[in-house]
Amino acid sequence: MAATFCYLTQVSGIEKLDGYYNQKQSYLKRGFLRSKRSTSNAGKFFFARNARHSQAKRRHQYQHVICKSRAELSLSATEKEIGEQVQEDISKGSLIWRAIKLPIYSVALVPLTVGSAAAYLQTGVFLARRYFVLLASSILVITWLNLSNDVYDFDTGADKNKKESVVNLVGSRTGTLFAACSCLVLGFMGLAWTAAEAGNMRSILLLAGAIICGYIYQCPPFRLSYQGLGEPLCFAAFGPYAVSAFYLLQSSTSVMNHFPLNGTVLSASVLVGFTTSLILFCSHFHQVSGDLLVGKISPLVRLGTNTGSQVVRAAIITLYALLVAFGLSQALPLACVFLCALTLPMGNLVIRFVQQNHKDKEKIFMAKYYCVRLHALFGAALATGLVVARMINKT
């Protein structure tokens, strides 16, 4: 009986303990779930709060960048306006000098001088009066080329921000175009009169070809300069066409009966055309961005200024390599080779200046004027060499 009671008591106690244990487990489980939901809600709240904080922070940073950009743009615009005002107030004379482009007129002087020297080498004749008439006429034609270039670049918008443009300085497109056409008519009349006096119509055909090259280079509807073809046209116009024509016009009547397409004239004309084209090529360096905006695909727009600087280096090396080759083949007198070789420091200066400053729009503007110096010095040396060769042959 006692054993049975103890057994029942023990079983009852076990059942109570088991029930207490199950109740505690259920309580702990509900507490865990409640705690989990609380933690989840707290996490969601923390995440949402953190997200709102991040968005507010990004919004603040974005507003700060906008304000900073506006301030920089405002400062840049102010500096630009100040720079433009200073340029207008102080550098007006410099702008006029740039518009005149006086050094560029060496492209009229050099072909005439080299052609006349080549004629003197062959004939020993130099006609001074004819030389100066041709020089004046050539200057008028180059003036037409420069003025009409400004007019048509103004029409396309290429010279919109170019303060040294004649159209922008004068304020009249019609007046500039009229002046350009007048110069062309007067210049061509002078060339035609000289050709008629010399009795050589083939020379005027060559000069007409040179003028046509200038026209299709820049004038509508051709505007081949916008296709990157300016340099080949420049080479042909100021090289073989111009030098050969002036050679004919300065020759004696005994030579006029046939076209003396000899190696000396051709070699000299190639070198002159080469240096003239280099001037045009380097004039594009500071205009790349403006040319790109108006669709003018100049060689430097295609190549970029870095590659363009390497092209200048290769062109000058080629120039002097051709000089040596023409000398070795006896197409040019050794006096020409020797004197032209003295211009090597100027050629090296052009290379160094372009390579060091091709990214600086302000400084690289002067590259074409360094090329003008090379062109003038090289042309003078070439012409002097031809004259010296004649003097040596006479002795």
Protein backbone atom coordinates (compact mmCIF):
# COMPACT_ATOMS: atom_id res chain seq x y z
CA MET A 1 0.00 0.00 0.00
CA ALA A 2 2.78 2.35 0.96
CA ALA A 3 4.70 1.36 -2.10
CA THR A 4 1.70 1.99 -4.25
CA PHE A 5 1.19 5.47 -2.70
CA CYS A 6 4.80 6.35 -3.20
CA TYR A 7 4.58 5.28 -6.79
CA LEU A 8 1.47 7.37 -7.43
CA THR A 9 2.99 10.35 -5.69
CA GLN A 10 6.15 10.03 -7.77
CA VAL A 11 4.13 9.75 -11.00
CA SER A 12 2.07 12.81 -10.03
CA GLY A 13 5.23 14.80 -9.29
CA ILE A 14 6.77 13.82 -12.60
CA GLU A 15 3.60 14.89 -14.43
CA LYS A 16 3.66 18.25 -12.61
CA LEU A 17 7.31 18.77 -13.43
CA ASP A 18 6.68 17.82 -17.03
CA GLY A 19 3.77 20.27 -17.23
CA TYR A 20 5.88 23.01 -15.62
CA TYR A 21 8.66 22.31 -18.05
CA ASN A 22 6.28 22.46 -21.04
CA GLN A 23 4.76 25.69 -19.74
CA LYS A 24 8.20 27.24 -19.34
CA GLN A 25 9.22 26.15 -22.80
CA SER A 26 6.05 27.69 -24.22
CA TYR A 27 6.73 30.90 -22.30
CA LEU A 28 10.31 31.01 -23.47
CA LYS A 29 9.23 30.33 -27.05
CA ARG A 30 6.65 33.12 -26.96
CA GLY A 31 9.23 35.42 -25.39
CA PHE A 32 11.76 34.52 -28.05
CA LEU A 33 9.26 35.17 -30.85
CA ARG A 34 8.24 38.45 -29.24
CA SER A 35 11.89 39.37 -28.81
CA LYS A 36 12.60 38.39 -32.40
CA ARG A 37 9.71 40.51 -33.68
CA SER A 38 10.90 43.36 -31.50
CA THR A 39 14.43 42.98 -32.78
CA SER A 40 13.17 42.79 -36.36
CA ASN A 41 11.10 45.92 -35.87
CA ALA A 42 14.05 47.64 -34.27
CA GLY A 43 16.26 46.55 -37.18
CA LYS A 44 13.73 47.81 -39.68
CA PHE A 45 13.46 51.07 -37.80
CA PHE A 46 17.23 51.39 -37.61
CA PHE A 47 17.61 50.58 -41.31
CA ALA A 48 14.91 53.07 -42.33
CA ARG A 49 16.43 55.72 -40.12
CA ASN A 50 19.89 55.01 -41.54
CA ALA A 51 18.52 55.13 -45.11
CA ARG A 52 16.86 58.46 -44.45
CA HIS A 53 20.09 59.75 -42.96
CA SER A 54 22.10 58.55 -45.99
CA GLN A 55 19.64 60.14 -48.40
CA ALA A 56 19.78 63.40 -46.50
CA LYS A 57 23.57 63.24 -46.51
CA ARG A 58 23.72 62.55 -50.26
CA ARG A 59 21.22 65.33 -50.89
CA HIS A 60 23.37 67.70 -48.87
CA GLN A 61 26.51 66.66 -50.74
CA TYR A 62 24.75 67.01 -54.10
CA GLN A 63 23.54 70.50 -53.21
CA HIS A 64 27.06 71.35 -52.08
CA VAL A 65 28.52 70.16 -55.42
CA ILE A 66 25.90 72.13 -57.35
CA CYS A 67 26.61 75.28 -55.36
CA LYS A 68 30.35 74.77 -55.81
CA SER A 69 29.96 74.18 -59.58
CA ARG A 70 27.79 77.26 -59.90
CA ALA A 71 30.35 79.27 -58.00
CA GLU A 72 33.16 77.97 -60.23
CA LEU A 73 31.17 78.64 -63.38
CA SER A 74 30.33 82.10 -62.13
CA LEU A 75 33.97 82.74 -61.30
CA SER A 76 35.08 81.36 -64.67
CA ALA A 77 32.56 83.52 -66.49
CA THR A 78 33.67 86.54 -64.52
CA GLU A 79 37.32 85.84 -65.27
CA LYS A 80 36.46 85.34 -68.95
CA GLU A 81 34.57 88.64 -69.06
CA ILE A 82 37.45 90.41 -67.35
CA GLY A 83 39.95 88.78 -69.75
CA GLU A 84 37.89 89.77 -72.76
CA GLN A 85 37.54 93.32 -71.48
CA VAL A 86 41.27 93.56 -70.85
CA GLN A 87 41.94 92.14 -74.32
CA GLU A 88 39.62 94.67 -75.92
CA ASP A 89 41.01 97.59 -73.90
CA ILE A 90 44.72 96.78 -73.98
CA SER A 91 45.40 94.51 -76.96
CA LYS A 92 43.39 96.21 -79.70
CA GLY A 93 46.59 96.97 -81.59
CA SER A 94 47.69 93.37 -81.21
CA LEU A 95 44.36 92.17 -82.65
CA ILE A 96 44.75 94.50 -85.64
CA TRP A 97 48.30 93.21 -86.17
CA ARG A 98 47.01 89.65 -86.13
CA ALA A 99 44.24 90.56 -88.57
CA ILE A 100 46.73 92.08 -91.03
CA LYS A 101 48.88 88.92 -90.84
CA LEU A 102 51.88 90.74 -92.24
CA PRO A 103 54.37 87.87 -91.70
CA ILE A 104 52.08 85.55 -93.70
CA TYR A 105 52.79 87.63 -96.82
CA SER A 106 56.13 85.89 -97.01
CA VAL A 107 54.19 83.19 -98.89
CA ALA A 108 53.94 85.72 -101.72
CA LEU A 109 57.58 86.78 -101.49
CA VAL A 110 59.31 83.38 -101.26
CA PRO A 111 57.89 81.64 -104.39
CA LEU A 112 58.56 84.75 -106.48
CA THR A 113 62.10 85.14 -105.17
CA VAL A 114 62.99 81.46 -105.57
CA GLY A 115 61.45 81.35 -109.07
CA SER A 116 63.36 84.49 -110.07
CA ALA A 117 66.60 83.05 -108.64
CA ALA A 118 66.07 79.82 -110.58
CA ALA A 119 65.58 81.88 -113.75
CA TYR A 120 68.76 83.82 -112.97
CA LEU A 121 70.65 80.54 -112.53
CA GLN A 122 69.58 79.40 -116.01
CA THR A 123 69.75 82.70 -117.92
CA GLY A 124 71.71 85.20 -115.87
CA VAL A 125 68.82 87.66 -116.30
CA PHE A 126 66.93 89.43 -113.51
CA LEU A 127 64.12 91.85 -114.42
CA ALA A 128 63.70 94.11 -111.38
CA ARG A 129 60.65 96.07 -112.56
CA ARG A 130 58.80 92.89 -113.46
CA TYR A 131 59.77 91.40 -110.11
CA PHE A 132 58.15 94.22 -108.13
CA VAL A 133 55.01 94.26 -110.29
CA LEU A 134 54.64 90.55 -109.68
CA LEU A 135 55.28 91.06 -105.96
CA ALA A 136 52.56 93.73 -105.67
CA SER A 137 50.11 91.58 -107.63
CA SER A 138 50.90 88.52 -105.51
CA ILE A 139 50.35 90.50 -102.30
CA LEU A 140 46.92 91.57 -103.58
CA VAL A 141 46.02 87.94 -104.31
CA ILE A 142 47.16 86.85 -100.82
CA THR A 143 45.09 89.69 -99.34
CA TRP A 144 42.05 88.31 -101.18
CA LEU A 145 42.85 84.87 -99.80
CA ASN A 146 43.04 86.12 -96.20
CA LEU A 147 39.98 88.40 -96.34
CA SER A 148 37.73 85.89 -98.10
CA ASN A 149 38.86 83.20 -95.65
CA ASP A 150 37.65 85.40 -92.77
CA VAL A 151 34.33 86.04 -94.55
CA TYR A 152 33.52 82.39 -95.22
CA ASP A 153 34.72 81.24 -91.79
CA PHE A 154 32.44 83.92 -90.34
CA ASP A 155 29.53 82.45 -92.34
CA THR A 156 30.11 78.95 -90.98
CA GLY A 157 30.67 80.14 -87.41
CA ALA A 158 34.32 79.03 -87.29
CA ASP A 159 35.41 82.62 -86.53
CA LYS A 160 32.55 83.40 -84.14
CA ASN A 161 34.92 83.84 -81.17
CA LYS A 162 37.97 84.84 -83.21
CA LYS A 163 38.54 88.45 -82.21
CA GLU A 164 41.29 89.00 -84.78
CA SER A 165 38.92 88.16 -87.62
CA VAL A 166 38.66 91.11 -90.01
CA VAL A 167 34.88 90.71 -90.16
CA ASN A 168 34.62 90.91 -86.37
CA LEU A 169 36.96 93.89 -86.18
CA VAL A 170 35.36 95.85 -89.01
CA GLY A 171 31.83 94.73 -88.25
CA SER A 172 30.88 94.37 -91.91
CA ARG A 173 30.82 91.11 -93.82
CA THR A 174 29.78 92.81 -97.08
CA GLY A 175 32.54 95.41 -96.88
CA THR A 176 35.17 92.75 -96.17
CA LEU A 177 34.00 90.59 -99.07
CA PHE A 178 33.97 93.58 -101.44
CA ALA A 179 37.53 94.47 -100.42
CA ALA A 180 38.60 90.84 -100.94
CA CYS A 181 37.10 90.64 -104.44
CA SER A 182 38.64 93.99 -105.38
CA CYS A 183 42.08 92.75 -104.34
CA LEU A 184 41.63 89.58 -106.41
CA VAL A 185 40.61 91.51 -109.53
CA LEU A 186 43.49 93.99 -109.23
CA GLY A 187 46.01 91.25 -108.43
CA PHE A 188 44.97 89.04 -111.33
CA MET A 189 45.04 92.04 -113.69
CA GLY A 190 48.64 92.73 -112.66
CA LEU A 191 49.63 89.09 -113.20
CA ALA A 192 47.87 88.95 -116.57
CA TRP A 193 49.48 92.21 -117.72
CA THR A 194 52.94 90.91 -116.77
CA ALA A 195 52.31 87.63 -118.59
CA ALA A 196 51.15 89.50 -121.68
CA GLU A 197 54.22 91.75 -121.57
CA ALA A 198 56.47 88.70 -121.23
CA GLY A 199 54.64 86.99 -124.08
CA ASN A 200 54.13 83.80 -122.08
CA MET A 201 50.52 82.75 -121.57
CA ARG A 202 51.51 79.42 -120.01
CA SER A 203 52.65 81.27 -116.92
CA ILE A 204 49.25 82.91 -116.43
CA LEU A 205 47.61 79.48 -116.75
CA LEU A 206 49.82 78.21 -113.92
CA LEU A 207 49.00 81.25 -111.79
CA ALA A 208 45.30 80.79 -112.56
CA GLY A 209 45.66 77.20 -111.36
CA ALA A 210 47.19 78.47 -108.11
CA ILE A 211 44.29 80.91 -107.61
CA ILE A 212 41.75 78.15 -108.32
CA CYS A 213 43.43 76.05 -105.61
CA GLY A 214 42.92 78.96 -103.21
CA TYR A 215 39.28 79.32 -104.22
CA ILE A 216 38.27 75.69 -103.81
CA TYR A 217 40.24 75.60 -100.57
CA GLN A 218 37.91 78.01 -98.77
CA CYS A 219 35.05 79.29 -100.93
CA PRO A 220 31.58 77.77 -101.34
CA PRO A 221 30.40 75.39 -102.62
CA PHE A 222 33.74 73.54 -102.38
CA ARG A 223 35.35 74.50 -99.04
CA LEU A 224 37.81 71.62 -99.26
CA SER A 225 39.60 72.94 -96.19
CA TYR A 226 36.64 71.60 -94.18
CA GLN A 227 37.54 68.13 -95.48
CA GLY A 228 41.18 68.41 -94.40
CA LEU A 229 42.50 68.98 -97.96
CA GLY A 230 43.99 72.43 -97.40
CA GLU A 231 47.59 71.30 -97.12
CA PRO A 232 47.77 69.49 -100.51
CA LEU A 233 46.13 72.48 -102.22
CA CYS A 234 48.52 74.86 -100.49
CA PHE A 235 51.48 72.74 -101.58
CA ALA A 236 50.39 72.76 -105.22
CA ALA A 237 49.48 76.46 -105.32
CA PHE A 238 52.58 77.92 -103.66
CA GLY A 239 54.98 75.21 -104.79
CA PRO A 240 54.97 73.87 -108.38
CA TYR A 241 52.36 76.29 -109.77
CA ALA A 242 53.68 79.58 -108.37
CA VAL A 243 57.43 78.89 -108.51
CA SER A 244 57.25 77.55 -112.09
CA ALA A 245 55.10 80.49 -113.24
CA PHE A 246 57.43 83.10 -111.75
CA TYR A 247 60.38 81.25 -113.23
CA LEU A 248 58.82 81.56 -116.68
CA LEU A 249 57.97 85.24 -116.23
CA GLN A 250 61.50 86.09 -115.17
CA SER A 251 63.18 84.08 -117.93
CA SER A 252 64.62 85.59 -121.10
CA THR A 253 62.84 85.41 -124.44
CA SER A 254 65.10 82.61 -125.62
CA VAL A 255 63.84 80.33 -122.88
CA MET A 256 60.18 81.26 -123.30
CA ASN A 257 59.79 79.15 -126.41
CA HIS A 258 59.57 75.95 -124.36
CA PHE A 259 58.49 74.95 -120.86
CA PRO A 260 61.71 74.38 -118.89
CA LEU A 261 60.48 71.73 -116.49
CA ASN A 262 63.98 70.93 -115.26
CA GLY A 263 65.05 69.30 -112.03
CA THR A 264 66.21 72.54 -110.40
CA VAL A 265 62.87 74.30 -110.75
CA LEU A 266 60.89 71.24 -109.66
CA SER A 267 63.11 70.57 -106.66
CA ALA A 268 63.00 74.18 -105.50
CA SER A 269 59.21 74.30 -105.95
CA VAL A 270 58.74 71.13 -103.88
CA LEU A 271 60.75 72.56 -100.99
CA VAL A 272 58.87 75.88 -101.11
CA GLY A 273 55.52 74.10 -101.21
CA PHE A 274 56.59 71.95 -98.27
CA THR A 275 57.44 74.86 -95.98
CA THR A 276 54.29 76.76 -97.00
CA SER A 277 52.06 73.78 -96.18
CA LEU A 278 53.75 73.53 -92.79
CA ILE A 279 52.55 77.07 -91.96
CA LEU A 280 48.96 76.10 -92.73
CA PHE A 281 49.22 72.87 -90.75
CA CYS A 282 50.50 74.63 -87.63
CA SER A 283 47.80 77.31 -87.88
CA HIS A 284 45.21 74.65 -86.87
CA PHE A 285 46.70 73.84 -83.45
CA HIS A 286 44.86 76.54 -81.48
CA GLN A 287 41.61 76.10 -83.45
CA VAL A 288 40.90 72.40 -82.91
CA SER A 289 37.92 72.82 -80.56
CA GLY A 290 36.38 75.60 -82.66
CA ASP A 291 36.87 73.66 -85.91
CA LEU A 292 35.25 70.58 -84.38
CA LEU A 293 32.17 72.52 -83.32
CA VAL A 294 31.46 73.80 -86.86
CA GLY A 295 32.31 70.52 -88.59
CA LYS A 296 35.67 71.62 -90.01
CA ILE A 297 37.68 68.39 -90.15
CA SER A 298 41.17 69.81 -90.28
CA PRO A 299 44.14 67.40 -90.08
CA LEU A 300 44.57 68.21 -86.40
CA VAL A 301 40.91 67.48 -85.67
CA ARG A 302 41.50 64.03 -87.14
CA LEU A 303 44.90 63.42 -85.55
CA GLY A 304 44.83 65.35 -82.28
CA THR A 305 47.49 67.81 -81.17
CA ASN A 306 49.83 65.18 -79.75
CA THR A 307 50.03 63.23 -83.00
CA GLY A 308 50.08 66.54 -84.87
CA SER A 309 53.24 67.57 -83.03
CA GLN A 310 54.88 64.33 -84.20
CA VAL A 311 53.76 65.08 -87.76
CA VAL A 312 55.49 68.48 -87.56
CA ARG A 313 58.68 66.76 -86.41
CA ALA A 314 58.49 64.21 -89.24
CA ALA A 315 57.73 66.93 -91.81
CA ILE A 316 60.77 69.02 -90.88
CA ILE A 317 63.03 65.97 -90.90
CA THR A 318 61.63 65.10 -94.34
CA LEU A 319 62.25 68.66 -95.54
CA TYR A 320 65.97 68.46 -94.80
CA ALA A 321 66.19 64.87 -96.06
CA LEU A 322 64.74 66.03 -99.40
CA LEU A 323 67.23 68.89 -99.45
CA VAL A 324 70.14 66.45 -99.11
CA ALA A 325 68.62 64.07 -101.67
CA PHE A 326 68.18 66.87 -104.21
CA GLY A 327 71.75 67.98 -103.59
CA LEU A 328 73.18 64.48 -104.03
CA SER A 329 71.20 64.00 -107.25
CA GLN A 330 72.56 67.37 -108.47
CA ALA A 331 69.04 68.70 -108.94
CA LEU A 332 70.04 71.54 -106.64
CA PRO A 333 73.45 73.22 -106.45
CA LEU A 334 75.59 72.38 -103.43
CA ALA A 335 75.46 76.06 -102.45
CA CYS A 336 71.70 75.66 -101.87
CA VAL A 337 72.25 72.58 -99.71
CA PHE A 338 74.91 74.29 -97.62
CA LEU A 339 72.98 77.53 -97.06
CA CYS A 340 69.65 75.82 -96.38
CA ALA A 341 71.38 73.53 -93.88
CA LEU A 342 72.19 76.65 -91.86
CA THR A 343 68.47 76.98 -91.08
CA LEU A 344 68.50 73.71 -89.11
CA PRO A 345 68.44 75.52 -85.73
CA MET A 346 65.22 77.25 -86.80
CA GLY A 347 63.72 73.93 -87.82
CA ASN A 348 64.70 72.42 -84.48
CA LEU A 349 63.14 75.40 -82.70
CA VAL A 350 59.83 74.77 -84.46
CA ILE A 351 59.89 71.10 -83.43
CA ARG A 352 60.65 71.86 -79.77
CA PHE A 353 58.11 74.67 -79.54
CA VAL A 354 55.28 72.57 -80.96
CA GLN A 355 56.09 69.51 -78.85
CA GLN A 356 56.26 71.55 -75.64
CA ASN A 357 53.19 73.75 -76.21
CA HIS A 358 50.76 71.81 -78.42
CA LYS A 359 48.27 71.53 -75.52
CA ASP A 360 48.42 75.24 -74.63
CA LYS A 361 46.04 77.18 -76.89
CA GLU A 362 47.53 80.54 -75.94
CA LYS A 363 51.16 79.64 -76.62
CA ILE A 364 50.65 77.32 -79.60
CA PHE A 365 49.12 80.23 -81.50
CA MET A 366 52.69 81.35 -82.21
CA ALA A 367 53.60 78.04 -83.89
CA LYS A 368 52.56 79.25 -87.33
CA TYR A 369 54.73 82.34 -86.95
CA TYR A 370 57.73 80.17 -86.09
CA CYS A 371 56.93 78.24 -89.27
CA VAL A 372 56.77 81.55 -91.17
CA ARG A 373 60.30 82.31 -89.96
CA LEU A 374 61.49 78.90 -91.10
CA HIS A 375 59.73 79.39 -94.44
CA ALA A 376 61.28 82.82 -94.98
CA LEU A 377 64.79 81.80 -93.90
CA PHE A 378 64.73 78.57 -95.88
CA GLY A 379 63.41 80.36 -98.98
CA ALA A 380 66.03 83.11 -98.67
CA ALA A 381 68.78 80.52 -98.28
CA LEU A 382 67.48 78.57 -101.28
CA ALA A 383 67.30 81.65 -103.50
CA THR A 384 70.74 82.85 -102.37
CA GLY A 385 72.19 79.43 -103.12
CA LEU A 386 70.83 79.56 -106.68
CA VAL A 387 72.33 83.02 -107.22
CA VAL A 388 75.68 81.98 -105.73
CA ALA A 389 75.72 78.91 -107.99
CA ARG A 390 75.30 81.16 -111.02
CA MET A 391 78.15 83.38 -109.88
CA ILE A 392 80.39 80.35 -109.35
CA ASN A 393 79.54 79.01 -112.80
CA LYS A 394 80.39 82.35 -114.40
CA THR A 395 83.85 82.32 -112.85
